Amino acid sequence: MAMNVERFVWLIVGGGIALVAGLWLVAFFDAWSVAWLAGAGLALLGAGSLGGGIDSRIEI
């Protein structure tokens, strides 16, 4: 059980940090530049990790 809680926390925190970093990159660089695309990918990865962490704790 402790391992699941630890993984849950890592997914939430890491996903949140990646999401915010990606959104900052998207906000500061020109659309479709390499940095903008990297930011968009990072934001998608962060959102997926955040959603996965939340979903792992929801019981139906």
N, C-alpha and C. Protein backbone atom coordinates (compact mmCIF):
# COMPACT_ATOMS: atom_id res chain seq x y z
N MET A 1 0.82 -1.19 0.00
CA MET A 1 0.00 0.00 0.00
C MET A 1 0.87 1.26 0.00
N ALA A 2 1.93 1.26 0.76
CA ALA A 2 2.79 2.45 0.83
C ALA A 2 3.41 2.76 -0.53
N MET A 3 3.70 1.72 -1.31
CA MET A 3 4.28 1.94 -2.63
C MET A 3 3.28 2.64 -3.55
N ASN A 4 2.00 2.30 -3.47
CA ASN A 4 1.00 2.96 -4.29
C ASN A 4 0.84 4.42 -3.92
N VAL A 5 0.87 4.72 -2.64
CA VAL A 5 0.75 6.11 -2.21
C VAL A 5 1.96 6.90 -2.69
N GLU A 6 3.13 6.30 -2.60
CA GLU A 6 4.33 6.98 -3.05
C GLU A 6 4.28 7.26 -4.56
N ARG A 7 3.85 6.28 -5.33
CA ARG A 7 3.73 6.47 -6.78
C ARG A 7 2.69 7.54 -7.10
N PHE A 8 1.60 7.52 -6.39
CA PHE A 8 0.54 8.51 -6.55
C PHE A 8 1.08 9.93 -6.34
N VAL A 9 1.84 10.10 -5.29
CA VAL A 9 2.40 11.43 -4.98
C VAL A 9 3.39 11.86 -6.06
N TRP A 10 4.25 10.94 -6.49
CA TRP A 10 5.22 11.27 -7.53
C TRP A 10 4.53 11.66 -8.83
N LEU A 11 3.46 10.95 -9.20
CA LEU A 11 2.75 11.28 -10.43
C LEU A 11 2.08 12.64 -10.34
N ILE A 12 1.47 12.95 -9.21
CA ILE A 12 0.79 14.23 -9.04
C ILE A 12 1.80 15.39 -9.05
N VAL A 13 2.84 15.28 -8.26
CA VAL A 13 3.82 16.37 -8.16
C VAL A 13 4.60 16.52 -9.46
N GLY A 14 5.11 15.42 -9.99
CA GLY A 14 5.87 15.48 -11.24
C GLY A 14 5.03 15.95 -12.40
N GLY A 15 3.79 15.47 -12.47
CA GLY A 15 2.89 15.90 -13.53
C GLY A 15 2.56 17.37 -13.45
N GLY A 16 2.34 17.85 -12.24
CA GLY A 16 2.05 19.28 -12.06
C GLY A 16 3.22 20.16 -12.46
N ILE A 17 4.41 19.75 -12.08
CA ILE A 17 5.61 20.53 -12.43
C ILE A 17 5.83 20.52 -13.94
N ALA A 18 5.68 19.35 -14.57
CA ALA A 18 5.86 19.25 -16.02
C ALA A 18 4.80 20.07 -16.75
N LEU A 19 3.57 20.03 -16.27
CA LEU A 19 2.50 20.78 -16.89
C LEU A 19 2.77 22.28 -16.84
N VAL A 20 3.15 22.78 -15.69
CA VAL A 20 3.43 24.22 -15.54
C VAL A 20 4.64 24.62 -16.39
N ALA A 21 5.70 23.82 -16.37
CA ALA A 21 6.89 24.15 -17.17
C ALA A 21 6.55 24.16 -18.66
N GLY A 22 5.77 23.19 -19.10
CA GLY A 22 5.38 23.14 -20.50
C GLY A 22 4.53 24.34 -20.90
N LEU A 23 3.61 24.73 -20.04
CA LEU A 23 2.77 25.88 -20.35
C LEU A 23 3.58 27.17 -20.39
N TRP A 24 4.59 27.29 -19.54
CA TRP A 24 5.45 28.47 -19.60
C TRP A 24 6.22 28.52 -20.92
N LEU A 25 6.71 27.37 -21.37
CA LEU A 25 7.42 27.34 -22.65
C LEU A 25 6.49 27.74 -23.80
N VAL A 26 5.28 27.22 -23.78
CA VAL A 26 4.32 27.56 -24.82
C VAL A 26 4.00 29.05 -24.80
N ALA A 27 3.92 29.63 -23.62
CA ALA A 27 3.57 31.05 -23.49
C ALA A 27 4.69 31.97 -23.99
N PHE A 28 5.95 31.56 -23.84
CA PHE A 28 7.05 32.48 -24.13
C PHE A 28 7.70 32.33 -25.49
N PHE A 29 7.42 31.23 -26.20
CA PHE A 29 8.07 31.03 -27.49
C PHE A 29 7.07 31.12 -28.63
N ASP A 30 7.58 31.41 -29.82
CA ASP A 30 6.73 31.53 -31.01
C ASP A 30 6.07 30.19 -31.33
N ALA A 31 4.85 30.27 -31.82
CA ALA A 31 4.11 29.06 -32.17
C ALA A 31 4.86 28.24 -33.20
N TRP A 32 4.87 26.94 -33.01
CA TRP A 32 5.47 25.94 -33.88
C TRP A 32 6.99 25.98 -33.93
N SER A 33 7.64 26.74 -33.03
CA SER A 33 9.09 26.66 -32.95
C SER A 33 9.45 25.38 -32.18
N VAL A 34 10.72 25.02 -32.20
CA VAL A 34 11.14 23.79 -31.52
C VAL A 34 10.86 23.88 -30.02
N ALA A 35 11.14 25.01 -29.41
CA ALA A 35 10.89 25.18 -27.97
C ALA A 35 9.39 25.13 -27.67
N TRP A 36 8.58 25.70 -28.55
CA TRP A 36 7.12 25.69 -28.37
C TRP A 36 6.60 24.25 -28.45
N LEU A 37 7.09 23.49 -29.42
CA LEU A 37 6.68 22.09 -29.55
C LEU A 37 7.13 21.26 -28.35
N ALA A 38 8.33 21.53 -27.85
CA ALA A 38 8.80 20.84 -26.66
C ALA A 38 7.92 21.18 -25.46
N GLY A 39 7.53 22.43 -25.34
CA GLY A 39 6.64 22.84 -24.26
C GLY A 39 5.27 22.20 -24.36
N ALA A 40 4.75 22.11 -25.59
CA ALA A 40 3.45 21.48 -25.79
C ALA A 40 3.52 19.99 -25.43
N GLY A 41 4.59 19.33 -25.82
CA GLY A 41 4.77 17.92 -25.47
C GLY A 41 4.92 17.72 -23.97
N LEU A 42 5.67 18.61 -23.34
CA LEU A 42 5.85 18.54 -21.90
C LEU A 42 4.54 18.78 -21.16
N ALA A 43 3.75 19.72 -21.65
CA ALA A 43 2.45 19.99 -21.03
C ALA A 43 1.52 18.79 -21.19
N LEU A 44 1.52 18.16 -22.34
CA LEU A 44 0.69 16.96 -22.54
C LEU A 44 1.15 15.81 -21.64
N LEU A 45 2.46 15.63 -21.54
CA LEU A 45 3.00 14.60 -20.67
C LEU A 45 2.63 14.88 -19.21
N GLY A 46 2.75 16.13 -18.79
CA GLY A 46 2.40 16.50 -17.42
C GLY A 46 0.93 16.31 -17.13
N ALA A 47 0.08 16.68 -18.08
CA ALA A 47 -1.36 16.50 -17.89
C ALA A 47 -1.71 15.02 -17.81
N GLY A 48 -1.06 14.21 -18.64
CA GLY A 48 -1.29 12.77 -18.59
C GLY A 48 -0.85 12.16 -17.28
N SER A 49 0.29 12.58 -16.78
CA SER A 49 0.80 12.08 -15.51
C SER A 49 -0.10 12.52 -14.35
N LEU A 50 -0.53 13.75 -14.39
CA LEU A 50 -1.44 14.27 -13.36
C LEU A 50 -2.74 13.49 -13.37
N GLY A 51 -3.30 13.29 -14.55
CA GLY A 51 -4.54 12.52 -14.67
C GLY A 51 -4.36 11.07 -14.24
N GLY A 52 -3.23 10.48 -14.60
CA GLY A 52 -2.96 9.10 -14.19
C GLY A 52 -2.80 8.96 -12.69
N GLY A 53 -2.17 9.94 -12.07
CA GLY A 53 -2.02 9.90 -10.62
C GLY A 53 -3.35 10.03 -9.90
N ILE A 54 -4.20 10.91 -10.41
CA ILE A 54 -5.52 11.07 -9.81
C ILE A 54 -6.36 9.82 -10.04
N ASP A 55 -6.30 9.28 -11.26
CA ASP A 55 -7.10 8.11 -11.60
C ASP A 55 -6.68 6.88 -10.78
N SER A 56 -5.40 6.79 -10.41
CA SER A 56 -4.93 5.63 -9.66
C SER A 56 -5.52 5.58 -8.25
N ARG A 57 -6.01 6.69 -7.75
CA ARG A 57 -6.57 6.74 -6.39
C ARG A 57 -8.09 6.72 -6.37
N ILE A 58 -8.74 6.79 -7.52
CA ILE A 58 -10.20 6.79 -7.56
C ILE A 58 -10.69 5.34 -7.57
N GLU A 59 -11.58 5.05 -6.64
CA GLU A 59 -12.16 3.71 -6.56
C GLU A 59 -13.61 3.79 -7.00
N ILE A 60 -13.98 2.88 -7.86
CA ILE A 60 -15.37 2.87 -8.35
C ILE A 60 -16.13 1.76 -7.66
